[in-house]
Amino acid sequence: MAIDISSFATEMNRGFLQVLVLVLLGKEMYGYSMVKQLETRGYKVEENTLYPMLRRLEKKGLVKSKWDVSKDRPRKFYVITKEGQTVRNQLLAIWQQQNDTLNHLLEETKNV
C-alpha cells in the first residue's frame, strides 16, 4: 500500500519556505523576483503561496515593504528587518541542528 506523502511535504515546505525567503531578503527584492530566484535553484513556489506568506511575515515585523512606482509597472519590494535577521539566524541554527541530528542518525543506522 503506497502512502501519500503530500501532507508531510506540505508541512516541511511551509517552514522551509519562510527560512528561504528570510535568507533571500538580505537584499531588497520583489515577489516575482523571489519566485524566479528560487526556481533557478530548483525550488518551485507558487506566487499564490509566496505573497500571503510575505504579508504574514510583514505583519510579524520580520520583513518590511515599499512600493516602487518609478517605472511603468509598480512593484512592491520587500527587505528583512533587524528582528527578521534575528529570527532568520535562530531558524538557521535550528535547521543546522536538525540537519546534524538527521545526518548523525543516518550514519548510525547505515550499517544496521
PDB file of N, CA and C in Angstrom:
ATOM      1  N   MET A   1       0.836  -1.181   0.000  1.00  0.00           N
ATOM      2  CA  MET A   1       0.000   0.000   0.000  1.00  0.00           C
ATOM      3  C   MET A   1       0.885   1.251   0.000  1.00  0.00           C
ATOM      4  N   ALA A   2       0.743   2.081  -1.000  1.00  0.00           N
ATOM      5  CA  ALA A   2       1.536   3.307  -1.110  1.00  0.00           C
ATOM      6  C   ALA A   2       0.925   4.401  -0.228  1.00  0.00           C
ATOM      7  N   ILE A   3       1.785   5.111   0.458  1.00  0.00           N
ATOM      8  CA  ILE A   3       1.346   6.197   1.337  1.00  0.00           C
ATOM      9  C   ILE A   3       1.546   7.512   0.608  1.00  0.00           C
ATOM     10  N   ASP A   4       0.539   8.363   0.661  1.00  0.00           N
ATOM     11  CA  ASP A   4       0.629   9.691   0.055  1.00  0.00           C
ATOM     12  C   ASP A   4       1.385  10.606   1.020  1.00  0.00           C
ATOM     13  N   ILE A   5       2.548  11.060   0.599  1.00  0.00           N
ATOM     14  CA  ILE A   5       3.364  11.899   1.488  1.00  0.00           C
ATOM     15  C   ILE A   5       3.137  13.392   1.269  1.00  0.00           C
ATOM     16  N   SER A   6       2.175  13.749   0.439  1.00  0.00           N
ATOM     17  CA  SER A   6       1.985  15.160   0.102  1.00  0.00           C
ATOM     18  C   SER A   6       1.710  16.030   1.324  1.00  0.00           C
ATOM     19  N   SER A   7       0.980  15.526   2.311  1.00  0.00           N
ATOM     20  CA  SER A   7       0.720  16.343   3.502  1.00  0.00           C
ATOM     21  C   SER A   7       2.004  16.546   4.307  1.00  0.00           C
ATOM     22  N   PHE A   8       2.872  15.528   4.345  1.00  0.00           N
ATOM     23  CA  PHE A   8       4.168  15.679   5.012  1.00  0.00           C
ATOM     24  C   PHE A   8       5.021  16.718   4.284  1.00  0.00           C
ATOM     25  N   ALA A   9       5.042  16.619   2.959  1.00  0.00           N
ATOM     26  CA  ALA A   9       5.832  17.559   2.153  1.00  0.00           C
ATOM     27  C   ALA A   9       5.327  18.983   2.332  1.00  0.00           C
ATOM     28  N   THR A  10       4.013  19.161   2.392  1.00  0.00           N
ATOM     29  CA  THR A  10       3.436  20.493   2.580  1.00  0.00           C
ATOM     30  C   THR A  10       3.886  21.094   3.904  1.00  0.00           C
ATOM     31  N   GLU A  11       3.837  20.300   4.968  1.00  0.00           N
ATOM     32  CA  GLU A  11       4.271  20.779   6.284  1.00  0.00           C
ATOM     33  C   GLU A  11       5.748  21.160   6.279  1.00  0.00           C
ATOM     34  N   MET A  12       6.571  20.308   5.689  1.00  0.00           N
ATOM     35  CA  MET A  12       8.007  20.585   5.642  1.00  0.00           C
ATOM     36  C   MET A  12       8.300  21.837   4.823  1.00  0.00           C
ATOM     37  N   ASN A  13       7.622  21.978   3.699  1.00  0.00           N
ATOM     38  CA  ASN A  13       7.863  23.113   2.807  1.00  0.00           C
ATOM     39  C   ASN A  13       7.421  24.438   3.404  1.00  0.00           C
ATOM     40  N   ARG A  14       6.366  24.429   4.203  1.00  0.00           N
ATOM     41  CA  ARG A  14       5.843  25.675   4.770  1.00  0.00           C
ATOM     42  C   ARG A  14       6.922  26.381   5.583  1.00  0.00           C
ATOM     43  N   GLY A  15       7.551  25.678   6.503  1.00  0.00           N
ATOM     44  CA  GLY A  15       8.592  26.291   7.326  1.00  0.00           C
ATOM     45  C   GLY A  15       9.855  26.586   6.540  1.00  0.00           C
ATOM     46  N   PHE A  16      10.189  25.659   5.650  1.00  0.00           N
ATOM     47  CA  PHE A  16      11.405  25.827   4.854  1.00  0.00           C
ATOM     48  C   PHE A  16      11.323  27.065   3.966  1.00  0.00           C
ATOM     49  N   LEU A  17      10.158  27.315   3.368  1.00  0.00           N
ATOM     50  CA  LEU A  17       9.989  28.482   2.505  1.00  0.00           C
ATOM     51  C   LEU A  17      10.181  29.774   3.285  1.00  0.00           C
ATOM     52  N   GLN A  18       9.711  29.807   4.520  1.00  0.00           N
ATOM     53  CA  GLN A  18       9.908  31.009   5.330  1.00  0.00           C
ATOM     54  C   GLN A  18      11.392  31.290   5.539  1.00  0.00           C
ATOM     55  N   VAL A  19      12.154  30.246   5.821  1.00  0.00           N
ATOM     56  CA  VAL A  19      13.599  30.419   6.005  1.00  0.00           C
ATOM     57  C   VAL A  19      14.234  30.888   4.698  1.00  0.00           C
ATOM     58  N   LEU A  20      13.870  30.264   3.578  1.00  0.00           N
ATOM     59  CA  LEU A  20      14.423  30.664   2.285  1.00  0.00           C
ATOM     60  C   LEU A  20      14.154  32.140   2.000  1.00  0.00           C
ATOM     61  N   VAL A  21      12.941  32.574   2.249  1.00  0.00           N
ATOM     62  CA  VAL A  21      12.571  33.972   1.984  1.00  0.00           C
ATOM     63  C   VAL A  21      13.356  34.913   2.890  1.00  0.00           C
ATOM     64  N   LEU A  22      13.489  34.565   4.161  1.00  0.00           N
ATOM     65  CA  LEU A  22      14.254  35.425   5.060  1.00  0.00           C
ATOM     66  C   LEU A  22      15.720  35.500   4.646  1.00  0.00           C
ATOM     67  N   VAL A  23      16.249  34.436   4.075  1.00  0.00           N
ATOM     68  CA  VAL A  23      17.622  34.464   3.561  1.00  0.00           C
ATOM     69  C   VAL A  23      17.697  35.320   2.296  1.00  0.00           C
ATOM     70  N   LEU A  24      16.761  35.104   1.375  1.00  0.00           N
ATOM     71  CA  LEU A  24      16.754  35.882   0.128  1.00  0.00           C
ATOM     72  C   LEU A  24      16.633  37.381   0.386  1.00  0.00           C
ATOM     73  N   LEU A  25      15.877  37.753   1.397  1.00  0.00           N
ATOM     74  CA  LEU A  25      15.606  39.166   1.637  1.00  0.00           C
ATOM     75  C   LEU A  25      16.716  39.882   2.380  1.00  0.00           C
ATOM     76  N   GLY A  26      17.902  39.293   2.362  1.00  0.00           N
ATOM     77  CA  GLY A  26      19.076  40.021   2.823  1.00  0.00           C
ATOM     78  C   GLY A  26      19.336  41.211   1.910  1.00  0.00           C
ATOM     79  N   LYS A  27      18.778  41.135   0.715  1.00  0.00           N
ATOM     80  CA  LYS A  27      18.779  42.286  -0.194  1.00  0.00           C
ATOM     81  C   LYS A  27      17.339  42.498  -0.651  1.00  0.00           C
ATOM     82  N   GLU A  28      17.023  43.723  -0.970  1.00  0.00           N
ATOM     83  CA  GLU A  28      15.663  44.095  -1.359  1.00  0.00           C
ATOM     84  C   GLU A  28      15.244  43.381  -2.643  1.00  0.00           C
ATOM     85  N   MET A  29      14.046  42.803  -2.625  1.00  0.00           N
ATOM     86  CA  MET A  29      13.546  42.071  -3.794  1.00  0.00           C
ATOM     87  C   MET A  29      12.028  42.227  -3.869  1.00  0.00           C
ATOM     88  N   TYR A  30      11.498  42.046  -5.059  1.00  0.00           N
ATOM     89  CA  TYR A  30      10.045  41.989  -5.197  1.00  0.00           C
ATOM     90  C   TYR A  30       9.637  40.533  -5.376  1.00  0.00           C
ATOM     91  N   GLY A  31       8.359  40.251  -5.170  1.00  0.00           N
ATOM     92  CA  GLY A  31       7.865  38.890  -5.102  1.00  0.00           C
ATOM     93  C   GLY A  31       8.201  38.018  -6.295  1.00  0.00           C
ATOM     94  N   TYR A  32       7.922  38.513  -7.495  1.00  0.00           N
ATOM     95  CA  TYR A  32       8.171  37.703  -8.689  1.00  0.00           C
ATOM     96  C   TYR A  32       9.651  37.364  -8.818  1.00  0.00           C
ATOM     97  N   SER A  33      10.512  38.289  -8.434  1.00  0.00           N
ATOM     98  CA  SER A  33      11.952  38.046  -8.473  1.00  0.00           C
ATOM     99  C   SER A  33      12.338  36.924  -7.501  1.00  0.00           C
ATOM    100  N   MET A  34      11.674  36.884  -6.344  1.00  0.00           N
ATOM    101  CA  MET A  34      11.935  35.805  -5.385  1.00  0.00           C
ATOM    102  C   MET A  34      11.539  34.460  -5.981  1.00  0.00           C
ATOM    103  N   VAL A  35      10.378  34.415  -6.629  1.00  0.00           N
ATOM    104  CA  VAL A  35       9.916  33.179  -7.265  1.00  0.00           C
ATOM    105  C   VAL A  35      10.958  32.698  -8.267  1.00  0.00           C
ATOM    106  N   LYS A  36      11.458  33.602  -9.093  1.00  0.00           N
ATOM    107  CA  LYS A  36      12.450  33.237 -10.115  1.00  0.00           C
ATOM    108  C   LYS A  36      13.773  32.813  -9.487  1.00  0.00           C
ATOM    109  N   GLN A  37      14.214  33.524  -8.442  1.00  0.00           N
ATOM    110  CA  GLN A  37      15.460  33.157  -7.751  1.00  0.00           C
ATOM    111  C   GLN A  37      15.368  31.741  -7.197  1.00  0.00           C
ATOM    112  N   LEU A  38      14.237  31.420  -6.595  1.00  0.00           N
ATOM    113  CA  LEU A  38      14.051  30.081  -6.030  1.00  0.00           C
ATOM    114  C   LEU A  38      13.977  29.033  -7.130  1.00  0.00           C
ATOM    115  N   GLU A  39      13.278  29.345  -8.213  1.00  0.00           N
ATOM    116  CA  GLU A  39      13.166  28.398  -9.330  1.00  0.00           C
ATOM    117  C   GLU A  39      14.526  28.062  -9.920  1.00  0.00           C
ATOM    118  N   THR A  40      15.392  29.060 -10.061  1.00  0.00           N
ATOM    119  CA  THR A  40      16.718  28.800 -10.640  1.00  0.00           C
ATOM    120  C   THR A  40      17.557  27.897  -9.738  1.00  0.00           C
ATOM    121  N   ARG A  41      17.143  27.801  -8.477  1.00  0.00           N
ATOM    122  CA  ARG A  41      17.848  26.926  -7.532  1.00  0.00           C
ATOM    123  C   ARG A  41      17.112  25.608  -7.310  1.00  0.00           C
ATOM    124  N   GLY A  42      16.106  25.368  -8.159  1.00  0.00           N
ATOM    125  CA  GLY A  42      15.402  24.090  -8.111  1.00  0.00           C
ATOM    126  C   GLY A  42      14.268  24.005  -7.116  1.00  0.00           C
ATOM    127  N   TYR A  43      13.831  25.134  -6.566  1.00  0.00           N
ATOM    128  CA  TYR A  43      12.745  25.132  -5.588  1.00  0.00           C
ATOM    129  C   TYR A  43      11.551  25.870  -6.176  1.00  0.00           C
ATOM    130  N   LYS A  44      10.516  25.138  -6.471  1.00  0.00           N
ATOM    131  CA  LYS A  44       9.316  25.700  -7.110  1.00  0.00           C
ATOM    132  C   LYS A  44       8.367  26.224  -6.050  1.00  0.00           C
ATOM    133  N   VAL A  45       7.946  27.452  -6.211  1.00  0.00           N
ATOM    134  CA  VAL A  45       6.960  28.050  -5.312  1.00  0.00           C
ATOM    135  C   VAL A  45       5.971  28.855  -6.145  1.00  0.00           C
ATOM    136  N   GLU A  46       4.715  28.729  -5.794  1.00  0.00           N
ATOM    137  CA  GLU A  46       3.665  29.464  -6.491  1.00  0.00           C
ATOM    138  C   GLU A  46       3.545  30.862  -5.886  1.00  0.00           C
ATOM    139  N   GLU A  47       3.228  31.833  -6.743  1.00  0.00           N
ATOM    140  CA  GLU A  47       3.042  33.193  -6.253  1.00  0.00           C
ATOM    141  C   GLU A  47       1.908  33.265  -5.237  1.00  0.00           C
ATOM    142  N   ASN A  48       0.856  32.459  -5.451  1.00  0.00           N
ATOM    143  CA  ASN A  48      -0.274  32.496  -4.513  1.00  0.00           C
ATOM    144  C   ASN A  48       0.076  31.850  -3.172  1.00  0.00           C
ATOM    145  N   THR A  49       1.242  31.262  -3.048  1.00  0.00           N
ATOM    146  CA  THR A  49       1.766  30.790  -1.759  1.00  0.00           C
ATOM    147  C   THR A  49       2.693  31.843  -1.170  1.00  0.00           C
ATOM    148  N   LEU A  50       3.511  32.441  -2.012  1.00  0.00           N
ATOM    149  CA  LEU A  50       4.522  33.391  -1.551  1.00  0.00           C
ATOM    150  C   LEU A  50       3.924  34.678  -0.995  1.00  0.00           C
ATOM    151  N   TYR A  51       3.005  35.295  -1.728  1.00  0.00           N
ATOM    152  CA  TYR A  51       2.508  36.614  -1.321  1.00  0.00           C
ATOM    153  C   TYR A  51       1.776  36.610   0.018  1.00  0.00           C
ATOM    154  N   PRO A  52       0.893  35.638   0.288  1.00  0.00           N
ATOM    155  CA  PRO A  52       0.286  35.614   1.624  1.00  0.00           C
ATOM    156  C   PRO A  52       1.321  35.406   2.737  1.00  0.00           C
ATOM    157  N   MET A  53       2.349  34.595   2.452  1.00  0.00           N
ATOM    158  CA  MET A  53       3.396  34.379   3.435  1.00  0.00           C
ATOM    159  C   MET A  53       4.170  35.678   3.685  1.00  0.00           C
ATOM    160  N   LEU A  54       4.459  36.429   2.630  1.00  0.00           N
ATOM    161  CA  LEU A  54       5.151  37.714   2.797  1.00  0.00           C
ATOM    162  C   LEU A  54       4.309  38.668   3.647  1.00  0.00           C
ATOM    163  N   ARG A  55       3.005  38.676   3.434  1.00  0.00           N
ATOM    164  CA  ARG A  55       2.123  39.526   4.246  1.00  0.00           C
ATOM    165  C   ARG A  55       2.164  39.094   5.717  1.00  0.00           C
ATOM    166  N   ARG A  56       2.173  37.783   5.976  1.00  0.00           N
ATOM    167  CA  ARG A  56       2.249  37.304   7.365  1.00  0.00           C
ATOM    168  C   ARG A  56       3.587  37.693   8.008  1.00  0.00           C
ATOM    169  N   LEU A  57       4.679  37.546   7.249  1.00  0.00           N
ATOM    170  CA  LEU A  57       5.995  37.930   7.774  1.00  0.00           C
ATOM    171  C   LEU A  57       6.056  39.428   8.051  1.00  0.00           C
ATOM    172  N   GLU A  58       5.419  40.208   7.187  1.00  0.00           N
ATOM    173  CA  GLU A  58       5.399  41.658   7.393  1.00  0.00           C
ATOM    174  C   GLU A  58       4.564  42.017   8.622  1.00  0.00           C
ATOM    175  N   LYS A  59       3.448  41.339   8.790  1.00  0.00           N
ATOM    176  CA  LYS A  59       2.592  41.587   9.951  1.00  0.00           C
ATOM    177  C   LYS A  59       3.326  41.280  11.249  1.00  0.00           C
ATOM    178  N   LYS A  60       4.214  40.279  11.224  1.00  0.00           N
ATOM    179  CA  LYS A  60       5.013  39.915  12.405  1.00  0.00           C
ATOM    180  C   LYS A  60       6.217  40.835  12.597  1.00  0.00           C
ATOM    181  N   GLY A  61       6.469  41.727  11.637  1.00  0.00           N
ATOM    182  CA  GLY A  61       7.590  42.652  11.740  1.00  0.00           C
ATOM    183  C   GLY A  61       8.912  42.067  11.291  1.00  0.00           C
ATOM    184  N   LEU A  62       8.875  40.932  10.583  1.00  0.00           N
ATOM    185  CA  LEU A  62      10.119  40.286  10.151  1.00  0.00           C
ATOM    186  C   LEU A  62      10.603  40.809   8.800  1.00  0.00           C
ATOM    187  N   VAL A  63       9.707  41.329   7.997  1.00  0.00           N
ATOM    188  CA  VAL A  63      10.062  41.986   6.734  1.00  0.00           C
ATOM    189  C   VAL A  63       9.277  43.287   6.642  1.00  0.00           C
ATOM    190  N   LYS A  64       9.771  44.181   5.822  1.00  0.00           N
ATOM    191  CA  LYS A  64       9.028  45.406   5.539  1.00  0.00           C
ATOM    192  C   LYS A  64       8.979  45.571   4.033  1.00  0.00           C
ATOM    193  N   SER A  65       8.017  46.356   3.583  1.00  0.00           N
ATOM    194  CA  SER A  65       7.842  46.525   2.144  1.00  0.00           C
ATOM    195  C   SER A  65       7.676  47.999   1.794  1.00  0.00           C
ATOM    196  N   LYS A  66       7.920  48.270   0.525  1.00  0.00           N
ATOM    197  CA  LYS A  66       7.661  49.617  -0.009  1.00  0.00           C
ATOM    198  C   LYS A  66       7.371  49.480  -1.488  1.00  0.00           C
ATOM    199  N   TRP A  67       6.537  50.361  -1.968  1.00  0.00           N
ATOM    200  CA  TRP A  67       6.185  50.360  -3.383  1.00  0.00           C
ATOM    201  C   TRP A  67       7.168  51.208  -4.168  1.00  0.00           C
ATOM    202  N   ASP A  68       7.568  50.708  -5.315  1.00  0.00           N
ATOM    203  CA  ASP A  68       8.364  51.477  -6.271  1.00  0.00           C
ATOM    204  C   ASP A  68       7.448  51.751  -7.461  1.00  0.00           C
ATOM    205  N   VAL A  69       7.075  53.006  -7.618  1.00  0.00           N
ATOM    206  CA  VAL A  69       6.172  53.386  -8.709  1.00  0.00           C
ATOM    207  C   VAL A  69       6.898  54.216  -9.763  1.00  0.00           C
ATOM    208  N   SER A  70       8.222  54.162  -9.734  1.00  0.00           N
ATOM    209  CA  SER A  70       9.012  54.978 -10.659  1.00  0.00           C
ATOM    210  C   SER A  70       9.012  54.430 -12.086  1.00  0.00           C
ATOM    211  N   LYS A  71       8.645  53.176 -12.248  1.00  0.00           N
ATOM    212  CA  LYS A  71       8.618  52.564 -13.586  1.00  0.00           C
ATOM    213  C   LYS A  71       7.174  52.402 -14.039  1.00  0.00           C
ATOM    214  N   ASP A  72       7.004  51.911 -15.265  1.00  0.00           N
ATOM    215  CA  ASP A  72       5.664  51.723 -15.811  1.00  0.00           C
ATOM    216  C   ASP A  72       4.825  50.784 -14.955  1.00  0.00           C
ATOM    217  N   ARG A  73       5.477  49.772 -14.423  1.00  0.00           N
ATOM    218  CA  ARG A  73       4.761  48.767 -13.632  1.00  0.00           C
ATOM    219  C   ARG A  73       5.185  48.881 -12.165  1.00  0.00           C
ATOM    220  N   PRO A  74       4.277  49.327 -11.290  1.00  0.00           N
ATOM    221  CA  PRO A  74       4.632  49.425  -9.869  1.00  0.00           C
ATOM    222  C   PRO A  74       4.996  48.058  -9.299  1.00  0.00           C
ATOM    223  N   ARG A  75       5.991  48.055  -8.418  1.00  0.00           N
ATOM    224  CA  ARG A  75       6.430  46.820  -7.773  1.00  0.00           C
ATOM    225  C   ARG A  75       6.562  47.048  -6.279  1.00  0.00           C
ATOM    226  N   LYS A  76       6.159  46.025  -5.531  1.00  0.00           N
ATOM    227  CA  LYS A  76       6.298  46.080  -4.081  1.00  0.00           C
ATOM    228  C   LYS A  76       7.571  45.328  -3.709  1.00  0.00           C
ATOM    229  N   PHE A  77       8.514  46.048  -3.140  1.00  0.00           N
ATOM    230  CA  PHE A  77       9.792  45.467  -2.742  1.00  0.00           C
ATOM    231  C   PHE A  77       9.777  45.136  -1.253  1.00  0.00           C
ATOM    232  N   TYR A  78      10.413  44.019  -0.930  1.00  0.00           N
ATOM    233  CA  TYR A  78      10.498  43.546   0.449  1.00  0.00           C
ATOM    234  C   TYR A  78      11.958  43.476   0.864  1.00  0.00           C
ATOM    235  N   VAL A  79      12.189  43.656   2.157  1.00  0.00           N
ATOM    236  CA  VAL A  79      13.522  43.512   2.733  1.00  0.00           C
ATOM    237  C   VAL A  79      13.352  43.046   4.178  1.00  0.00           C
ATOM    238  N   ILE A  80      14.323  42.305   4.662  1.00  0.00           N
ATOM    239  CA  ILE A  80      14.267  41.789   6.031  1.00  0.00           C
ATOM    240  C   ILE A  80      14.528  42.926   7.018  1.00  0.00           C
ATOM    241  N   THR A  81      13.885  42.857   8.181  1.00  0.00           N
ATOM    242  CA  THR A  81      14.105  43.829   9.245  1.00  0.00           C
ATOM    243  C   THR A  81      15.167  43.300  10.207  1.00  0.00           C
ATOM    244  N   LYS A  82      15.571  44.131  11.154  1.00  0.00           N
ATOM    245  CA  LYS A  82      16.528  43.680  12.187  1.00  0.00           C
ATOM    246  C   LYS A  82      15.954  42.491  12.954  1.00  0.00           C
ATOM    247  N   GLU A  83      14.682  42.592  13.322  1.00  0.00           N
ATOM    248  CA  GLU A  83      14.044  41.476  14.032  1.00  0.00           C
ATOM    249  C   GLU A  83      14.002  40.237  13.135  1.00  0.00           C
ATOM    250  N   GLY A  84      13.750  40.450  11.854  1.00  0.00           N
ATOM    251  CA  GLY A  84      13.747  39.344  10.907  1.00  0.00           C
ATOM    252  C   GLY A  84      15.109  38.677  10.798  1.00  0.00           C
ATOM    253  N   GLN A  85      16.167  39.482  10.862  1.00  0.00           N
ATOM    254  CA  GLN A  85      17.521  38.925  10.814  1.00  0.00           C
ATOM    255  C   GLN A  85      17.789  38.049  12.037  1.00  0.00           C
ATOM    256  N   THR A  86      17.319  38.505  13.196  1.00  0.00           N
ATOM    257  CA  THR A  86      17.478  37.728  14.420  1.00  0.00           C
ATOM    258  C   THR A  86      16.740  36.403  14.311  1.00  0.00           C
ATOM    259  N   VAL A  87      15.488  36.462  13.851  1.00  0.00           N
ATOM    260  CA  VAL A  87      14.679  35.247  13.695  1.00  0.00           C
ATOM    261  C   VAL A  87      15.311  34.330  12.653  1.00  0.00           C
ATOM    262  N   ARG A  88      15.771  34.909  11.533  1.00  0.00           N
ATOM    263  CA  ARG A  88      16.428  34.112  10.490  1.00  0.00           C
ATOM    264  C   ARG A  88      17.621  33.364  11.058  1.00  0.00           C
ATOM    265  N   ASN A  89      18.450  34.038  11.813  1.00  0.00           N
ATOM    266  CA  ASN A  89      19.632  33.396  12.385  1.00  0.00           C
ATOM    267  C   ASN A  89      19.247  32.283  13.355  1.00  0.00           C
ATOM    268  N   GLN A  90      18.206  32.500  14.134  1.00  0.00           N
ATOM    269  CA  GLN A  90      17.738  31.465  15.053  1.00  0.00           C
ATOM    270  C   GLN A  90      17.184  30.268  14.284  1.00  0.00           C
ATOM    271  N   LEU A  91      16.425  30.536  13.232  1.00  0.00           N
ATOM    272  CA  LEU A  91      15.871  29.447  12.421  1.00  0.00           C
ATOM    273  C   LEU A  91      16.967  28.666  11.711  1.00  0.00           C
ATOM    274  N   LEU A  92      17.974  29.369  11.230  1.00  0.00           N
ATOM    275  CA  LEU A  92      19.092  28.681  10.576  1.00  0.00           C
ATOM    276  C   LEU A  92      19.851  27.807  11.563  1.00  0.00           C
ATOM    277  N   ALA A  93      19.985  28.269  12.796  1.00  0.00           N
ATOM    278  CA  ALA A  93      20.652  27.456  13.825  1.00  0.00           C
ATOM    279  C   ALA A  93      19.836  26.201  14.130  1.00  0.00           C
ATOM    280  N   ILE A  94      18.516  26.355  14.207  1.00  0.00           N
ATOM    281  CA  ILE A  94      17.641  25.196  14.433  1.00  0.00           C
ATOM    282  C   ILE A  94      17.762  24.229  13.266  1.00  0.00           C
ATOM    283  N   TRP A  95      17.705  24.760  12.047  1.00  0.00           N
ATOM    284  CA  TRP A  95      17.812  23.908  10.858  1.00  0.00           C
ATOM    285  C   TRP A  95      19.143  23.164  10.852  1.00  0.00           C
ATOM    286  N   GLN A  96      20.220  23.849  11.189  1.00  0.00           N
ATOM    287  CA  GLN A  96      21.538  23.208  11.212  1.00  0.00           C
ATOM    288  C   GLN A  96      21.589  22.093  12.245  1.00  0.00           C
ATOM    289  N   GLN A  97      21.015  22.354  13.418  1.00  0.00           N
ATOM    290  CA  GLN A  97      20.991  21.334  14.467  1.00  0.00           C
ATOM    291  C   GLN A  97      20.166  20.127  14.022  1.00  0.00           C
ATOM    292  N   GLN A  98      19.012  20.382  13.414  1.00  0.00           N
ATOM    293  CA  GLN A  98      18.176  19.285  12.921  1.00  0.00           C
ATOM    294  C   GLN A  98      18.888  18.500  11.822  1.00  0.00           C
ATOM    295  N   ASN A  99      19.556  19.207  10.928  1.00  0.00           N
ATOM    296  CA  ASN A  99      20.290  18.559   9.852  1.00  0.00           C
ATOM    297  C   ASN A  99      21.431  17.708  10.402  1.00  0.00           C
ATOM    298  N   ASP A 100      22.150  18.237  11.379  1.00  0.00           N
ATOM    299  CA  ASP A 100      23.232  17.472  12.001  1.00  0.00           C
ATOM    300  C   ASP A 100      22.694  16.212  12.682  1.00  0.00           C
ATOM    301  N   THR A 101      21.574  16.354  13.385  1.00  0.00           N
ATOM    302  CA  THR A 101      20.962  15.206  14.061  1.00  0.00           C
ATOM    303  C   THR A 101      20.547  14.148  13.051  1.00  0.00           C
ATOM    304  N   LEU A 102      19.903  14.578  11.987  1.00  0.00           N
ATOM    305  CA  LEU A 102      19.466  13.639  10.953  1.00  0.00           C
ATOM    306  C   LEU A 102      20.658  12.928  10.322  1.00  0.00           C
ATOM    307  N   ASN A 103      21.677  13.673   9.955  1.00  0.00           N
ATOM    308  CA  ASN A 103      22.863  13.061   9.350  1.00  0.00           C
ATOM    309  C   ASN A 103      23.534  12.078  10.303  1.00  0.00           C
ATOM    310  N   HIS A 104      23.589  12.429  11.574  1.00  0.00           N
ATOM    311  CA  HIS A 104      24.178  11.537  12.573  1.00  0.00           C
ATOM    312  C   HIS A 104      23.380  10.240  12.669  1.00  0.00           C
ATOM    313  N   LEU A 105      22.053  10.353  12.732  1.00  0.00           N
ATOM    314  CA  LEU A 105      21.208   9.160  12.805  1.00  0.00           C
ATOM    315  C   LEU A 105      21.318   8.311  11.550  1.00  0.00           C
ATOM    316  N   LEU A 106      21.362   8.950  10.399  1.00  0.00           N
ATOM    317  CA  LEU A 106      21.509   8.201   9.135  1.00  0.00           C
ATOM    318  C   LEU A 106      22.826   7.449   9.115  1.00  0.00           C
ATOM    319  N   GLU A 107      23.872   8.092   9.592  1.00  0.00           N
ATOM    320  CA  GLU A 107      25.185   7.445   9.634  1.00  0.00           C
ATOM    321  C   GLU A 107      25.172   6.251  10.589  1.00  0.00           C
ATOM    322  N   GLU A 108      24.540   6.434  11.747  1.00  0.00           N
ATOM    323  CA  GLU A 108      24.475   5.348  12.744  1.00  0.00           C
ATOM    324  C   GLU A 108      23.681   4.163  12.239  1.00  0.00           C
ATOM    325  N   THR A 109      22.617   4.418  11.488  1.00  0.00           N
ATOM    326  CA  THR A 109      21.741   3.333  11.059  1.00  0.00           C
ATOM    327  C   THR A 109      22.107   2.765   9.688  1.00  0.00           C
ATOM    328  N   LYS A 110      23.155   3.322   9.095  1.00  0.00           N
ATOM    329  CA  LYS A 110      23.564   2.866   7.769  1.00  0.00           C
ATOM    330  C   LYS A 110      23.919   1.390   7.757  1.00  0.00           C
ATOM    331  N   ASN A 111      24.556   0.915   8.770  1.00  0.00           N
ATOM    332  CA  ASN A 111      25.023  -0.470   8.815  1.00  0.00           C
ATOM    333  C   ASN A 111      24.120  -1.397   9.622  1.00  0.00           C
ATOM    334  N   VAL A 112      22.951  -0.929   9.945  1.00  0.00           N
ATOM    335  CA  VAL A 112      22.031  -1.764  10.746  1.00  0.00           C
ATOM    336  C   VAL A 112      21.207  -2.648   9.847  1.00  0.00           C
TER     337      VAL A 112
END
